Amino acid sequence: MRLTSTLPDDPALPGLAAIRTVGLASAIPALGLGDGRVELLLYGYTAGDRATLEARVGRHRFAVKVYADDPAPEAALYRALEAAGLAGHSGARVPPLLTWERDLRVLILGWLKGPT
């Protein structure tokens, strides 16, 4: 998929609809983004199932994962991996779960630099 800043209109993804309508800062207030400019890039999209976005706010980058289904099991996995010490800055690691919104079915993850 080619990277784009155009977000799909997909009613199966309530988080994507909220971000399209009110913007990321208003849709996910727990991020504390305020009025800063948010740049969103669509990294992956499967219609009716999920979308992955890169968000850039100033020097900060993070991943926005939007789902059609409840992401609670994935959020619990990220919390468990962090508790096991894998969300640090060295060695084998996973991105930290910054926040998530169950009703919107959205996970916000810290950005890991380096190869995927």
C-alpha atoms as a PDB file:
ATOM      1  CA  MET A   1       0.000   0.000   0.000  1.00  0.00           C
ATOM      2  CA  ARG A   2       1.210   3.490  -0.832  1.00  0.00           C
ATOM      3  CA  LEU A   3       1.455   5.824   2.164  1.00  0.00           C
ATOM      4  CA  THR A   4      -1.257   8.470   2.150  1.00  0.00           C
ATOM      5  CA  SER A   5      -2.737  11.086   4.442  1.00  0.00           C
ATOM      6  CA  THR A   6      -6.242  10.344   3.119  1.00  0.00           C
ATOM      7  CA  LEU A   7      -8.167   8.169   5.565  1.00  0.00           C
ATOM      8  CA  PRO A   8     -10.748   5.704   4.261  1.00  0.00           C
ATOM      9  CA  ASP A   9     -14.425   6.091   5.088  1.00  0.00           C
ATOM     10  CA  ASP A  10     -15.154   2.711   6.670  1.00  0.00           C
ATOM     11  CA  PRO A  11     -18.223   2.416   8.945  1.00  0.00           C
ATOM     12  CA  ALA A  12     -16.872  -0.887  10.372  1.00  0.00           C
ATOM     13  CA  LEU A  13     -14.017   1.065  12.017  1.00  0.00           C
ATOM     14  CA  PRO A  14     -15.548   3.464  14.573  1.00  0.00           C
ATOM     15  CA  GLY A  15     -12.151   4.823  15.600  1.00  0.00           C
ATOM     16  CA  LEU A  16     -11.304   5.761  12.041  1.00  0.00           C
ATOM     17  CA  ALA A  17     -14.664   7.504  11.671  1.00  0.00           C
ATOM     18  CA  ALA A  18     -14.032   9.486  14.877  1.00  0.00           C
ATOM     19  CA  ILE A  19     -10.533  10.494  13.772  1.00  0.00           C
ATOM     20  CA  ARG A  20     -11.849  11.571  10.360  1.00  0.00           C
ATOM     21  CA  THR A  21     -14.664  13.573  11.974  1.00  0.00           C
ATOM     22  CA  VAL A  22     -13.042  15.333  14.948  1.00  0.00           C
ATOM     23  CA  GLY A  23      -9.323  14.654  14.563  1.00  0.00           C
ATOM     24  CA  LEU A  24      -7.006  12.454  16.614  1.00  0.00           C
ATOM     25  CA  ALA A  25      -6.550  14.933  19.495  1.00  0.00           C
ATOM     26  CA  SER A  26     -10.308  15.172  20.121  1.00  0.00           C
ATOM     27  CA  ALA A  27     -11.062  11.507  19.417  1.00  0.00           C
ATOM     28  CA  ILE A  28      -8.399  10.297  21.896  1.00  0.00           C
ATOM     29  CA  PRO A  29      -8.101  13.040  24.558  1.00  0.00           C
ATOM     30  CA  ALA A  30      -5.962  10.765  26.793  1.00  0.00           C
ATOM     31  CA  LEU A  31      -3.053  11.492  24.420  1.00  0.00           C
ATOM     32  CA  GLY A  32      -2.998  15.095  25.640  1.00  0.00           C
ATOM     33  CA  LEU A  33      -2.161  16.462  22.188  1.00  0.00           C
ATOM     34  CA  GLY A  34      -3.893  19.797  22.680  1.00  0.00           C
ATOM     35  CA  ASP A  35      -4.086  22.020  19.628  1.00  0.00           C
ATOM     36  CA  GLY A  36      -0.811  20.876  18.046  1.00  0.00           C
ATOM     37  CA  ARG A  37      -0.710  19.950  14.383  1.00  0.00           C
ATOM     38  CA  VAL A  38      -1.166  16.184  13.908  1.00  0.00           C
ATOM     39  CA  GLU A  39       0.061  14.549  10.707  1.00  0.00           C
ATOM     40  CA  LEU A  40      -1.459  11.137   9.973  1.00  0.00           C
ATOM     41  CA  LEU A  41      -0.155   8.646   7.423  1.00  0.00           C
ATOM     42  CA  LEU A  42      -2.051   5.493   6.492  1.00  0.00           C
ATOM     43  CA  TYR A  43       0.377   2.546   6.680  1.00  0.00           C
ATOM     44  CA  GLY A  44      -2.008  -0.344   6.245  1.00  0.00           C
ATOM     45  CA  TYR A  45      -5.690  -0.900   5.675  1.00  0.00           C
ATOM     46  CA  THR A  46      -7.962  -3.914   5.331  1.00  0.00           C
ATOM     47  CA  ALA A  47     -11.508  -2.781   4.581  1.00  0.00           C
ATOM     48  CA  GLY A  48     -13.981  -3.691   7.308  1.00  0.00           C
ATOM     49  CA  ASP A  49     -11.227  -5.080   9.556  1.00  0.00           C
ATOM     50  CA  ARG A  50      -8.338  -2.781  10.541  1.00  0.00           C
ATOM     51  CA  ALA A  51      -6.134   0.194   9.733  1.00  0.00           C
ATOM     52  CA  THR A  52      -2.682   1.230  10.926  1.00  0.00           C
ATOM     53  CA  LEU A  53      -1.653   4.889  10.986  1.00  0.00           C
ATOM     54  CA  GLU A  54       1.518   6.732  11.830  1.00  0.00           C
ATOM     55  CA  ALA A  55       0.873   9.905  13.806  1.00  0.00           C
ATOM     56  CA  ARG A  56       3.416  12.716  13.994  1.00  0.00           C
ATOM     57  CA  VAL A  57       3.065  15.588  16.425  1.00  0.00           C
ATOM     58  CA  GLY A  58       6.148  17.783  16.506  1.00  0.00           C
ATOM     59  CA  ARG A  59       9.085  15.499  17.339  1.00  0.00           C
ATOM     60  CA  HIS A  60       6.808  12.706  18.552  1.00  0.00           C
ATOM     61  CA  ARG A  61       5.699   9.699  16.505  1.00  0.00           C
ATOM     62  CA  PHE A  62       3.359   6.902  17.458  1.00  0.00           C
ATOM     63  CA  ALA A  63       1.285   4.163  15.867  1.00  0.00           C
ATOM     64  CA  VAL A  64      -2.503   4.241  15.806  1.00  0.00           C
ATOM     65  CA  LYS A  65      -4.094   0.832  15.324  1.00  0.00           C
ATOM     66  CA  VAL A  66      -7.819   0.860  14.539  1.00  0.00           C
ATOM     67  CA  TYR A  67      -9.947  -2.282  14.586  1.00  0.00           C
ATOM     68  CA  ALA A  68     -13.445  -3.477  13.753  1.00  0.00           C
ATOM     69  CA  ASP A  69     -13.302  -5.924  16.684  1.00  0.00           C
ATOM     70  CA  ASP A  70     -12.548  -5.271  20.360  1.00  0.00           C
ATOM     71  CA  PRO A  71      -8.759  -4.865  20.788  1.00  0.00           C
ATOM     72  CA  ALA A  72      -8.853  -5.638  24.540  1.00  0.00           C
ATOM     73  CA  PRO A  73      -6.870  -8.897  24.177  1.00  0.00           C
ATOM     74  CA  GLU A  74      -4.127  -7.100  22.242  1.00  0.00           C
ATOM     75  CA  ALA A  75      -4.060  -4.261  24.793  1.00  0.00           C
ATOM     76  CA  ALA A  76      -3.676  -6.857  27.576  1.00  0.00           C
ATOM     77  CA  LEU A  77      -0.814  -8.491  25.665  1.00  0.00           C
ATOM     78  CA  TYR A  78       1.042  -5.174  25.317  1.00  0.00           C
ATOM     79  CA  ARG A  79       0.587  -4.542  29.054  1.00  0.00           C
ATOM     80  CA  ALA A  80       1.924  -8.015  29.897  1.00  0.00           C
ATOM     81  CA  LEU A  81       4.936  -7.574  27.604  1.00  0.00           C
ATOM     82  CA  GLU A  82       5.664  -4.203  29.194  1.00  0.00           C
ATOM     83  CA  ALA A  83       5.406  -5.745  32.675  1.00  0.00           C
ATOM     84  CA  ALA A  84       7.929  -8.372  31.519  1.00  0.00           C
ATOM     85  CA  GLY A  85      10.374  -5.577  30.668  1.00  0.00           C
ATOM     86  CA  LEU A  86      10.076  -5.745  26.885  1.00  0.00           C
ATOM     87  CA  ALA A  87       8.886  -2.164  26.353  1.00  0.00           C
ATOM     88  CA  GLY A  88      12.264  -0.663  27.249  1.00  0.00           C
ATOM     89  CA  HIS A  89      14.927   0.921  25.102  1.00  0.00           C
ATOM     90  CA  SER A  90      17.298  -2.003  24.520  1.00  0.00           C
ATOM     91  CA  GLY A  91      17.336  -5.685  23.646  1.00  0.00           C
ATOM     92  CA  ALA A  92      14.257  -7.459  22.354  1.00  0.00           C
ATOM     93  CA  ARG A  93      11.419  -5.025  22.706  1.00  0.00           C
ATOM     94  CA  VAL A  94       7.861  -4.158  21.830  1.00  0.00           C
ATOM     95  CA  PRO A  95       6.282  -0.728  21.531  1.00  0.00           C
ATOM     96  CA  PRO A  96       4.709   0.568  24.748  1.00  0.00           C
ATOM     97  CA  LEU A  97       0.937   0.852  24.888  1.00  0.00           C
ATOM     98  CA  LEU A  98       0.387   4.594  25.391  1.00  0.00           C
ATOM     99  CA  THR A  99      -3.389   4.411  25.677  1.00  0.00           C
ATOM    100  CA  TRP A 100      -6.399   2.701  24.167  1.00  0.00           C
ATOM    101  CA  GLU A 101     -10.076   3.408  23.679  1.00  0.00           C
ATOM    102  CA  ARG A 102     -12.238   0.302  23.875  1.00  0.00           C
ATOM    103  CA  ASP A 103     -15.401   1.994  22.533  1.00  0.00           C
ATOM    104  CA  LEU A 104     -13.546   3.325  19.476  1.00  0.00           C
ATOM    105  CA  ARG A 105     -11.502   0.099  19.145  1.00  0.00           C
ATOM    106  CA  VAL A 106      -8.214   1.991  18.950  1.00  0.00           C
ATOM    107  CA  LEU A 107      -4.752   1.229  20.366  1.00  0.00           C
ATOM    108  CA  ILE A 108      -2.055   3.929  20.527  1.00  0.00           C
ATOM    109  CA  LEU A 109       1.487   2.549  20.640  1.00  0.00           C
ATOM    110  CA  GLY A 110       4.860   4.188  21.036  1.00  0.00           C
ATOM    111  CA  TRP A 111       6.975   4.285  17.882  1.00  0.00           C
ATOM    112  CA  LEU A 112       9.988   1.989  17.688  1.00  0.00           C
ATOM    113  CA  LYS A 113      12.854   3.157  15.510  1.00  0.00           C
ATOM    114  CA  GLY A 114      14.647   0.636  13.378  1.00  0.00           C
ATOM    115  CA  PRO A 115      13.764  -2.144  10.959  1.00  0.00           C
ATOM    116  CA  THR A 116      10.426  -3.898  11.296  1.00  0.00           C
END
